[in-house]
Amino acid sequence: MRKRNLIFIGMPAAGKSTIGVVVAKRLGMRFLDTDLLIQEQEGMLLREIIRKVGEEGFQQIENQVNRDVQTENSVISPGGSVVYCEEAMQHFKENGTVVYLQISYETIRRRIKDPKKRGVLLRPGQSLKDLYEERIPLFEKYADLTVCEDGLPIEQTIEAVLEVVEKSKL
């Protein structure tokens, strides 16, 4: 039987990579950060790619890299904007369980000091709050499982993820 993947989605700074590494270790799975794959393929940092090719160009690259991921028994952490990439999200839905790490705007704002330095895609005139509100319906649309991490220290969030994954009988 093929082992399925776990794909974490959520806002930048929701802890997709941090939580993903520990969950992968605890479940005996591999960990894959697709932002690192994008940087490796393009030979630049995310913010440099965005500066060079713009938001639309970046999303094409992001869609291609995520859509082409071929792995099993892995915890995958894509960038927060992957939910705009229909082909990539369809690929993830077919090859794993999508886990939405849900977190309040206030927590995101506190964790992200400078969205540009973080490589967060903001359109001209768009605030982090606008982006948050735009993405929430997409996260909810694609999620197979949701873990609310508000007010939880990282250890409890990890336990909550493991519990929800166990209950889902992956």
N, C-alpha and C. Protein backbone atom coordinates (compact mmCIF):
# COMPACT_ATOMS: atom_id res chain seq x y z
N MET A 1 0.84 -1.20 0.00
CA MET A 1 0.00 0.00 0.00
C MET A 1 0.88 1.25 0.00
N ARG A 2 0.48 2.21 -0.80
CA ARG A 2 1.22 3.47 -0.88
C ARG A 2 0.98 4.33 0.35
N LYS A 3 2.04 4.89 0.88
CA LYS A 3 1.88 5.77 2.04
C LYS A 3 1.55 7.17 1.57
N ARG A 4 0.54 7.76 2.16
CA ARG A 4 0.10 9.09 1.76
C ARG A 4 0.93 10.18 2.43
N ASN A 5 0.85 11.35 1.84
CA ASN A 5 1.56 12.52 2.35
C ASN A 5 0.64 13.34 3.24
N LEU A 6 1.25 14.18 4.06
CA LEU A 6 0.55 15.21 4.82
C LEU A 6 1.01 16.53 4.24
N ILE A 7 0.08 17.39 3.86
CA ILE A 7 0.43 18.69 3.29
C ILE A 7 -0.12 19.77 4.21
N PHE A 8 0.76 20.61 4.74
CA PHE A 8 0.34 21.69 5.63
C PHE A 8 0.09 22.96 4.83
N ILE A 9 -1.09 23.55 5.02
CA ILE A 9 -1.37 24.85 4.41
C ILE A 9 -1.72 25.83 5.53
N GLY A 10 -1.54 27.11 5.23
CA GLY A 10 -1.84 28.15 6.20
C GLY A 10 -1.05 29.40 5.86
N MET A 11 -1.32 30.43 6.60
CA MET A 11 -0.65 31.71 6.38
C MET A 11 0.85 31.60 6.66
N PRO A 12 1.63 32.50 6.05
CA PRO A 12 3.04 32.58 6.44
C PRO A 12 3.10 32.81 7.96
N ALA A 13 4.04 32.17 8.61
CA ALA A 13 4.25 32.26 10.06
C ALA A 13 3.24 31.44 10.87
N ALA A 14 2.44 30.60 10.19
CA ALA A 14 1.52 29.72 10.92
C ALA A 14 2.27 28.54 11.53
N GLY A 15 3.49 28.29 11.08
CA GLY A 15 4.30 27.21 11.63
C GLY A 15 4.34 25.97 10.76
N LYS A 16 4.02 26.11 9.48
CA LYS A 16 3.98 24.95 8.58
C LYS A 16 5.30 24.18 8.58
N SER A 17 6.40 24.88 8.46
CA SER A 17 7.71 24.22 8.43
C SER A 17 8.15 23.77 9.81
N THR A 18 8.02 24.63 10.79
CA THR A 18 8.45 24.30 12.16
C THR A 18 7.69 23.09 12.69
N ILE A 19 6.38 23.12 12.56
CA ILE A 19 5.54 22.02 13.03
C ILE A 19 5.75 20.80 12.14
N GLY A 20 5.86 21.04 10.84
CA GLY A 20 6.02 19.95 9.88
C GLY A 20 7.25 19.10 10.14
N VAL A 21 8.36 19.73 10.46
CA VAL A 21 9.61 18.99 10.74
C VAL A 21 9.40 18.03 11.91
N VAL A 22 8.80 18.51 12.98
CA VAL A 22 8.61 17.69 14.18
C VAL A 22 7.58 16.59 13.93
N VAL A 23 6.49 16.93 13.26
CA VAL A 23 5.46 15.92 12.94
C VAL A 23 6.06 14.82 12.07
N ALA A 24 6.85 15.21 11.07
CA ALA A 24 7.50 14.22 10.21
C ALA A 24 8.39 13.29 11.03
N LYS A 25 9.15 13.86 11.92
CA LYS A 25 10.06 13.08 12.77
C LYS A 25 9.28 12.11 13.65
N ARG A 26 8.20 12.61 14.25
CA ARG A 26 7.39 11.79 15.16
C ARG A 26 6.65 10.67 14.43
N LEU A 27 6.30 10.89 13.16
CA LEU A 27 5.56 9.89 12.39
C LEU A 27 6.47 9.02 11.52
N GLY A 28 7.78 9.29 11.56
CA GLY A 28 8.71 8.52 10.74
C GLY A 28 8.57 8.82 9.26
N MET A 29 8.26 10.08 8.94
CA MET A 29 8.07 10.50 7.56
C MET A 29 9.19 11.45 7.15
N ARG A 30 9.32 11.70 5.86
CA ARG A 30 10.26 12.70 5.35
C ARG A 30 9.62 14.08 5.50
N PHE A 31 10.44 15.12 5.45
CA PHE A 31 9.93 16.50 5.46
C PHE A 31 10.41 17.21 4.20
N LEU A 32 9.50 17.96 3.58
CA LEU A 32 9.82 18.67 2.35
C LEU A 32 9.24 20.08 2.40
N ASP A 33 10.10 21.09 2.28
CA ASP A 33 9.66 22.49 2.24
C ASP A 33 9.75 22.93 0.78
N THR A 34 8.60 23.15 0.14
CA THR A 34 8.63 23.44 -1.29
C THR A 34 9.14 24.85 -1.60
N ASP A 35 9.13 25.76 -0.63
CA ASP A 35 9.76 27.06 -0.87
C ASP A 35 11.26 26.88 -1.12
N LEU A 36 11.86 25.93 -0.42
CA LEU A 36 13.29 25.65 -0.63
C LEU A 36 13.51 25.04 -2.02
N LEU A 37 12.57 24.20 -2.48
CA LEU A 37 12.67 23.64 -3.83
C LEU A 37 12.59 24.74 -4.88
N ILE A 38 11.70 25.72 -4.65
CA ILE A 38 11.57 26.85 -5.58
C ILE A 38 12.88 27.63 -5.63
N GLN A 39 13.44 27.94 -4.46
CA GLN A 39 14.70 28.69 -4.40
C GLN A 39 15.82 27.92 -5.08
N GLU A 40 15.85 26.61 -4.87
CA GLU A 40 16.88 25.77 -5.48
C GLU A 40 16.73 25.77 -7.01
N GLN A 41 15.50 25.58 -7.48
CA GLN A 41 15.27 25.55 -8.93
C GLN A 41 15.64 26.88 -9.59
N GLU A 42 15.28 27.99 -8.94
CA GLU A 42 15.48 29.31 -9.54
C GLU A 42 16.83 29.93 -9.20
N GLY A 43 17.52 29.39 -8.21
CA GLY A 43 18.83 29.92 -7.83
C GLY A 43 18.77 31.29 -7.18
N MET A 44 17.65 31.58 -6.54
CA MET A 44 17.44 32.88 -5.87
C MET A 44 16.56 32.70 -4.65
N LEU A 45 16.59 33.68 -3.76
CA LEU A 45 15.67 33.72 -2.64
C LEU A 45 14.27 34.07 -3.15
N LEU A 46 13.24 33.70 -2.37
CA LEU A 46 11.86 33.97 -2.79
C LEU A 46 11.64 35.44 -3.13
N ARG A 47 12.11 36.33 -2.26
CA ARG A 47 11.86 37.76 -2.49
C ARG A 47 12.55 38.25 -3.76
N GLU A 48 13.70 37.63 -4.09
CA GLU A 48 14.40 37.99 -5.32
C GLU A 48 13.63 37.50 -6.55
N ILE A 49 13.06 36.31 -6.44
CA ILE A 49 12.25 35.77 -7.53
C ILE A 49 11.04 36.67 -7.77
N ILE A 50 10.36 37.05 -6.69
CA ILE A 50 9.18 37.91 -6.79
C ILE A 50 9.57 39.25 -7.41
N ARG A 51 10.70 39.82 -6.98
CA ARG A 51 11.16 41.09 -7.54
C ARG A 51 11.45 40.96 -9.04
N LYS A 52 12.02 39.83 -9.44
CA LYS A 52 12.42 39.63 -10.83
C LYS A 52 11.24 39.32 -11.76
N VAL A 53 10.32 38.42 -11.34
CA VAL A 53 9.26 37.96 -12.25
C VAL A 53 7.87 38.44 -11.85
N GLY A 54 7.75 39.13 -10.72
CA GLY A 54 6.45 39.63 -10.29
C GLY A 54 5.60 38.53 -9.66
N GLU A 55 4.44 38.95 -9.15
CA GLU A 55 3.55 38.02 -8.45
C GLU A 55 3.05 36.91 -9.36
N GLU A 56 2.62 37.28 -10.55
CA GLU A 56 2.07 36.28 -11.47
C GLU A 56 3.14 35.26 -11.90
N GLY A 57 4.32 35.76 -12.20
CA GLY A 57 5.42 34.88 -12.58
C GLY A 57 5.80 33.95 -11.45
N PHE A 58 5.82 34.48 -10.24
CA PHE A 58 6.14 33.66 -9.08
C PHE A 58 5.11 32.56 -8.90
N GLN A 59 3.83 32.91 -9.06
CA GLN A 59 2.78 31.91 -8.86
C GLN A 59 2.86 30.80 -9.92
N GLN A 60 3.29 31.14 -11.12
CA GLN A 60 3.49 30.10 -12.15
C GLN A 60 4.59 29.13 -11.72
N ILE A 61 5.68 29.69 -11.20
CA ILE A 61 6.79 28.86 -10.72
C ILE A 61 6.33 28.02 -9.53
N GLU A 62 5.62 28.66 -8.61
CA GLU A 62 5.13 27.97 -7.41
C GLU A 62 4.19 26.83 -7.80
N ASN A 63 3.30 27.08 -8.75
CA ASN A 63 2.38 26.04 -9.20
C ASN A 63 3.15 24.87 -9.81
N GLN A 64 4.11 25.18 -10.67
CA GLN A 64 4.89 24.14 -11.36
C GLN A 64 5.67 23.29 -10.36
N VAL A 65 6.37 23.92 -9.44
CA VAL A 65 7.20 23.18 -8.48
C VAL A 65 6.32 22.29 -7.59
N ASN A 66 5.24 22.84 -7.06
CA ASN A 66 4.37 22.07 -6.17
C ASN A 66 3.62 20.97 -6.92
N ARG A 67 3.17 21.26 -8.12
CA ARG A 67 2.45 20.29 -8.95
C ARG A 67 3.35 19.10 -9.29
N ASP A 68 4.64 19.36 -9.45
CA ASP A 68 5.58 18.32 -9.88
C ASP A 68 6.21 17.53 -8.73
N VAL A 69 5.85 17.84 -7.49
CA VAL A 69 6.41 17.10 -6.35
C VAL A 69 5.94 15.64 -6.43
N GLN A 70 6.90 14.74 -6.47
CA GLN A 70 6.61 13.31 -6.48
C GLN A 70 7.27 12.70 -5.25
N THR A 71 6.47 12.42 -4.25
CA THR A 71 7.01 11.85 -3.01
C THR A 71 5.92 11.05 -2.32
N GLU A 72 6.33 10.17 -1.45
CA GLU A 72 5.42 9.39 -0.62
C GLU A 72 5.90 9.45 0.81
N ASN A 73 4.97 9.25 1.73
CA ASN A 73 5.32 9.20 3.14
C ASN A 73 6.09 10.45 3.58
N SER A 74 5.60 11.62 3.13
CA SER A 74 6.27 12.88 3.43
C SER A 74 5.31 13.89 4.03
N VAL A 75 5.85 14.74 4.88
CA VAL A 75 5.15 15.93 5.34
C VAL A 75 5.65 17.05 4.45
N ILE A 76 4.72 17.72 3.77
CA ILE A 76 5.08 18.75 2.79
C ILE A 76 4.60 20.11 3.30
N SER A 77 5.50 21.07 3.26
CA SER A 77 5.17 22.43 3.66
C SER A 77 5.35 23.37 2.47
N PRO A 78 4.24 23.68 1.77
CA PRO A 78 4.34 24.66 0.69
C PRO A 78 4.21 26.08 1.24
N GLY A 79 4.49 27.06 0.40
CA GLY A 79 4.29 28.45 0.80
C GLY A 79 2.81 28.75 0.98
N GLY A 80 2.51 29.79 1.72
CA GLY A 80 1.12 30.16 2.01
C GLY A 80 0.29 30.47 0.78
N SER A 81 0.96 30.91 -0.30
CA SER A 81 0.22 31.30 -1.51
C SER A 81 -0.08 30.12 -2.43
N VAL A 82 0.30 28.90 -2.05
CA VAL A 82 0.05 27.73 -2.90
C VAL A 82 -1.44 27.53 -3.15
N VAL A 83 -2.29 28.04 -2.26
CA VAL A 83 -3.74 27.85 -2.43
C VAL A 83 -4.29 28.60 -3.64
N TYR A 84 -3.48 29.47 -4.25
CA TYR A 84 -3.88 30.13 -5.50
C TYR A 84 -3.55 29.25 -6.71
N CYS A 85 -2.84 28.18 -6.49
CA CYS A 85 -2.33 27.32 -7.57
C CYS A 85 -3.21 26.07 -7.69
N GLU A 86 -4.19 26.13 -8.58
CA GLU A 86 -5.17 25.04 -8.68
C GLU A 86 -4.55 23.70 -9.02
N GLU A 87 -3.63 23.66 -9.98
CA GLU A 87 -3.01 22.38 -10.35
C GLU A 87 -2.23 21.79 -9.17
N ALA A 88 -1.49 22.62 -8.48
CA ALA A 88 -0.70 22.16 -7.33
C ALA A 88 -1.62 21.62 -6.24
N MET A 89 -2.69 22.34 -5.94
CA MET A 89 -3.59 21.91 -4.87
C MET A 89 -4.33 20.63 -5.27
N GLN A 90 -4.70 20.50 -6.52
CA GLN A 90 -5.34 19.26 -6.99
C GLN A 90 -4.37 18.08 -6.82
N HIS A 91 -3.12 18.30 -7.19
CA HIS A 91 -2.07 17.28 -7.03
C HIS A 91 -1.94 16.87 -5.56
N PHE A 92 -1.90 17.85 -4.67
CA PHE A 92 -1.77 17.55 -3.25
C PHE A 92 -2.99 16.78 -2.72
N LYS A 93 -4.19 17.19 -3.13
CA LYS A 93 -5.41 16.53 -2.69
C LYS A 93 -5.43 15.06 -3.14
N GLU A 94 -4.88 14.80 -4.33
CA GLU A 94 -4.86 13.43 -4.86
C GLU A 94 -3.78 12.56 -4.20
N ASN A 95 -2.76 13.19 -3.65
CA ASN A 95 -1.61 12.45 -3.14
C ASN A 95 -1.39 12.59 -1.64
N GLY A 96 -2.38 13.09 -0.94
CA GLY A 96 -2.19 13.22 0.50
C GLY A 96 -3.38 13.83 1.20
N THR A 97 -3.17 14.14 2.45
CA THR A 97 -4.17 14.77 3.30
C THR A 97 -3.72 16.20 3.57
N VAL A 98 -4.58 17.15 3.27
CA VAL A 98 -4.24 18.56 3.45
C VAL A 98 -4.69 19.01 4.84
N VAL A 99 -3.72 19.50 5.62
CA VAL A 99 -3.97 19.94 6.99
C VAL A 99 -3.81 21.46 7.05
N TYR A 100 -4.89 22.13 7.41
CA TYR A 100 -4.90 23.60 7.53
C TYR A 100 -4.51 23.98 8.96
N LEU A 101 -3.40 24.70 9.10
CA LEU A 101 -2.98 25.24 10.39
C LEU A 101 -3.63 26.62 10.53
N GLN A 102 -4.72 26.64 11.26
CA GLN A 102 -5.55 27.84 11.40
C GLN A 102 -5.03 28.69 12.56
N ILE A 103 -4.93 29.99 12.28
CA ILE A 103 -4.36 30.90 13.28
C ILE A 103 -4.98 32.29 13.07
N SER A 104 -5.12 33.03 14.14
CA SER A 104 -5.78 34.34 14.05
C SER A 104 -4.88 35.37 13.35
N TYR A 105 -5.52 36.38 12.81
CA TYR A 105 -4.77 37.47 12.17
C TYR A 105 -3.83 38.14 13.17
N GLU A 106 -4.30 38.33 14.39
CA GLU A 106 -3.49 39.01 15.41
C GLU A 106 -2.17 38.26 15.64
N THR A 107 -2.25 36.94 15.69
CA THR A 107 -1.04 36.14 15.90
C THR A 107 -0.11 36.24 14.69
N ILE A 108 -0.68 36.18 13.49
CA ILE A 108 0.13 36.31 12.26
C ILE A 108 0.84 37.66 12.25
N ARG A 109 0.10 38.72 12.54
CA ARG A 109 0.67 40.08 12.52
C ARG A 109 1.81 40.20 13.53
N ARG A 110 1.64 39.57 14.68
CA ARG A 110 2.68 39.61 15.71
C ARG A 110 3.93 38.85 15.26
N ARG A 111 3.74 37.73 14.55
CA ARG A 111 4.87 36.90 14.12
C ARG A 111 5.59 37.48 12.90
N ILE A 112 4.84 38.11 12.01
CA ILE A 112 5.44 38.66 10.78
C ILE A 112 5.72 40.14 11.01
N LYS A 113 6.97 40.45 11.17
CA LYS A 113 7.33 41.86 11.39
C LYS A 113 7.31 42.62 10.06
N ASP A 114 7.97 42.09 9.05
CA ASP A 114 8.07 42.75 7.75
C ASP A 114 7.69 41.75 6.65
N PRO A 115 6.45 41.86 6.13
CA PRO A 115 5.98 40.90 5.12
C PRO A 115 6.89 40.81 3.89
N LYS A 116 7.48 41.91 3.47
CA LYS A 116 8.34 41.90 2.27
C LYS A 116 9.60 41.06 2.51
N LYS A 117 10.23 41.25 3.67
CA LYS A 117 11.43 40.48 3.99
C LYS A 117 11.11 39.00 4.13
N ARG A 118 9.88 38.71 4.52
CA ARG A 118 9.43 37.33 4.72
C ARG A 118 9.12 36.66 3.37
N GLY A 119 9.03 37.46 2.30
CA GLY A 119 8.70 36.90 0.99
C GLY A 119 7.20 36.72 0.81
N VAL A 120 6.41 37.49 1.57
CA VAL A 120 4.95 37.41 1.47
C VAL A 120 4.50 38.21 0.25
N LEU A 121 3.67 37.58 -0.58
CA LEU A 121 3.16 38.24 -1.79
C LEU A 121 2.02 39.19 -1.44
N LEU A 122 2.31 40.48 -1.49
CA LEU A 122 1.26 41.49 -1.28
C LEU A 122 1.16 42.33 -2.55
N ARG A 123 -0.06 42.45 -3.07
CA ARG A 123 -0.26 43.31 -4.24
C ARG A 123 -0.16 44.77 -3.82
N PRO A 124 0.11 45.68 -4.76
CA PRO A 124 0.17 47.10 -4.40
C PRO A 124 -1.13 47.53 -3.69
N GLY A 125 -0.96 48.15 -2.53
CA GLY A 125 -2.11 48.63 -1.76
C GLY A 125 -2.77 47.56 -0.90
N GLN A 126 -2.32 46.33 -1.00
CA GLN A 126 -2.92 45.24 -0.21
C GLN A 126 -2.24 45.15 1.14
N SER A 127 -3.03 45.07 2.19
CA SER A 127 -2.47 44.92 3.54
C SER A 127 -2.39 43.43 3.90
N LEU A 128 -1.65 43.13 4.95
CA LEU A 128 -1.56 41.77 5.44
C LEU A 128 -2.95 41.27 5.85
N LYS A 129 -3.74 42.15 6.44
CA LYS A 129 -5.12 41.81 6.85
C LYS A 129 -5.96 41.45 5.62
N ASP A 130 -5.84 42.24 4.53
CA ASP A 130 -6.56 41.92 3.29
C ASP A 130 -6.17 40.54 2.79
N LEU A 131 -4.88 40.27 2.79
CA LEU A 131 -4.37 38.99 2.32
C LEU A 131 -4.92 37.84 3.17
N TYR A 132 -4.90 38.03 4.47
CA TYR A 132 -5.43 37.03 5.41
C TYR A 132 -6.88 36.71 5.08
N GLU A 133 -7.68 37.76 4.94
CA GLU A 133 -9.12 37.57 4.67
C GLU A 133 -9.37 36.95 3.30
N GLU A 134 -8.51 37.23 2.34
CA GLU A 134 -8.63 36.66 1.00
C GLU A 134 -8.31 35.16 1.00
N ARG A 135 -7.33 34.77 1.79
CA ARG A 135 -6.87 33.37 1.77
C ARG A 135 -7.70 32.42 2.63
N ILE A 136 -8.34 32.92 3.68
CA ILE A 136 -9.09 32.04 4.59
C ILE A 136 -10.06 31.12 3.84
N PRO A 137 -10.90 31.64 2.94
CA PRO A 137 -11.83 30.73 2.23
C PRO A 137 -11.10 29.68 1.40
N LEU A 138 -9.94 30.01 0.87
CA LEU A 138 -9.17 29.04 0.08
C LEU A 138 -8.59 27.94 0.98
N PHE A 139 -8.06 28.33 2.14
CA PHE A 139 -7.54 27.34 3.09
C PHE A 139 -8.68 26.39 3.48
N GLU A 140 -9.84 26.96 3.77
CA GLU A 140 -10.99 26.14 4.19
C GLU A 140 -11.47 25.24 3.07
N LYS A 141 -11.43 25.73 1.85
CA LYS A 141 -11.86 24.95 0.68
C LYS A 141 -11.00 23.70 0.49
N TYR A 142 -9.70 23.83 0.62
CA TYR A 142 -8.80 22.72 0.34
C TYR A 142 -8.52 21.80 1.53
N ALA A 143 -8.82 22.25 2.74
CA ALA A 143 -8.45 21.48 3.94
C ALA A 143 -9.24 20.18 4.08
N ASP A 144 -8.52 19.10 4.35
CA ASP A 144 -9.17 17.85 4.74
C ASP A 144 -9.31 17.84 6.26
N LEU A 145 -8.33 18.39 6.94
CA LEU A 145 -8.31 18.48 8.40
C LEU A 145 -7.91 19.90 8.79
N THR A 146 -8.44 20.39 9.91
CA THR A 146 -8.09 21.73 10.39
C THR A 146 -7.66 21.64 11.85
N VAL A 147 -6.55 22.30 12.15
CA VAL A 147 -6.06 22.38 13.52
C VAL A 147 -5.96 23.85 13.88
N CYS A 148 -6.74 24.26 14.89
CA CYS A 148 -6.68 25.65 15.36
C CYS A 148 -5.56 25.74 16.39
N GLU A 149 -4.58 26.59 16.09
CA GLU A 149 -3.42 26.67 16.98
C GLU A 149 -3.40 27.93 17.83
N ASP A 150 -4.46 28.72 17.78
CA ASP A 150 -4.48 29.96 18.56
C ASP A 150 -4.36 29.69 20.06
N GLY A 151 -3.43 30.40 20.67
CA GLY A 151 -3.24 30.31 22.11
C GLY A 151 -2.48 29.06 22.55
N LEU A 152 -2.11 28.22 21.59
CA LEU A 152 -1.37 27.00 21.96
C LEU A 152 0.13 27.20 21.78
N PRO A 153 0.92 26.75 22.76
CA PRO A 153 2.36 26.74 22.52
C PRO A 153 2.65 25.69 21.45
N ILE A 154 3.81 25.77 20.84
CA ILE A 154 4.14 24.90 19.71
C ILE A 154 4.01 23.41 20.05
N GLU A 155 4.40 23.02 21.26
CA GLU A 155 4.32 21.61 21.65
C GLU A 155 2.88 21.12 21.62
N GLN A 156 1.94 21.94 22.10
CA GLN A 156 0.53 21.55 22.10
C GLN A 156 -0.04 21.54 20.69
N THR A 157 0.42 22.45 19.83
CA THR A 157 -0.02 22.45 18.44
C THR A 157 0.42 21.16 17.76
N ILE A 158 1.66 20.76 17.99
CA ILE A 158 2.17 19.51 17.42
C ILE A 158 1.33 18.32 17.89
N GLU A 159 1.03 18.28 19.19
CA GLU A 159 0.19 17.20 19.73
C GLU A 159 -1.20 17.22 19.10
N ALA A 160 -1.77 18.41 18.91
CA ALA A 160 -3.09 18.54 18.29
C ALA A 160 -3.08 18.02 16.85
N VAL A 161 -2.01 18.34 16.12
CA VAL A 161 -1.87 17.85 14.74
C VAL A 161 -1.78 16.34 14.74
N LEU A 162 -0.92 15.77 15.59
CA LEU A 162 -0.76 14.32 15.64
C LEU A 162 -2.07 13.63 16.01
N GLU A 163 -2.81 14.23 16.93
CA GLU A 163 -4.09 13.66 17.35
C GLU A 163 -5.11 13.65 16.21
N VAL A 164 -5.21 14.76 15.50
CA VAL A 164 -6.18 14.87 14.39
C VAL A 164 -5.79 13.94 13.23
N VAL A 165 -4.51 13.79 12.99
CA VAL A 165 -4.03 12.89 11.94
C VAL A 165 -4.33 11.43 12.33
N GLU A 166 -4.07 11.09 13.58
CA GLU A 166 -4.34 9.74 14.08
C GLU A 166 -5.83 9.41 13.96
N LYS A 167 -6.68 10.34 14.36
CA LYS A 167 -8.13 10.13 14.30
C LYS A 167 -8.61 9.94 12.86
N SER A 168 -7.91 10.57 11.92
CA SER A 168 -8.34 10.49 10.53
C SER A 168 -7.94 9.16 9.89
N LYS A 169 -7.18 8.35 10.62
CA LYS A 169 -6.75 7.03 10.15
C LYS A 169 -5.99 7.10 8.84
N LEU A 170 -4.99 7.96 8.81
CA LEU A 170 -4.16 8.10 7.61
C LEU A 170 -3.47 6.80 7.25
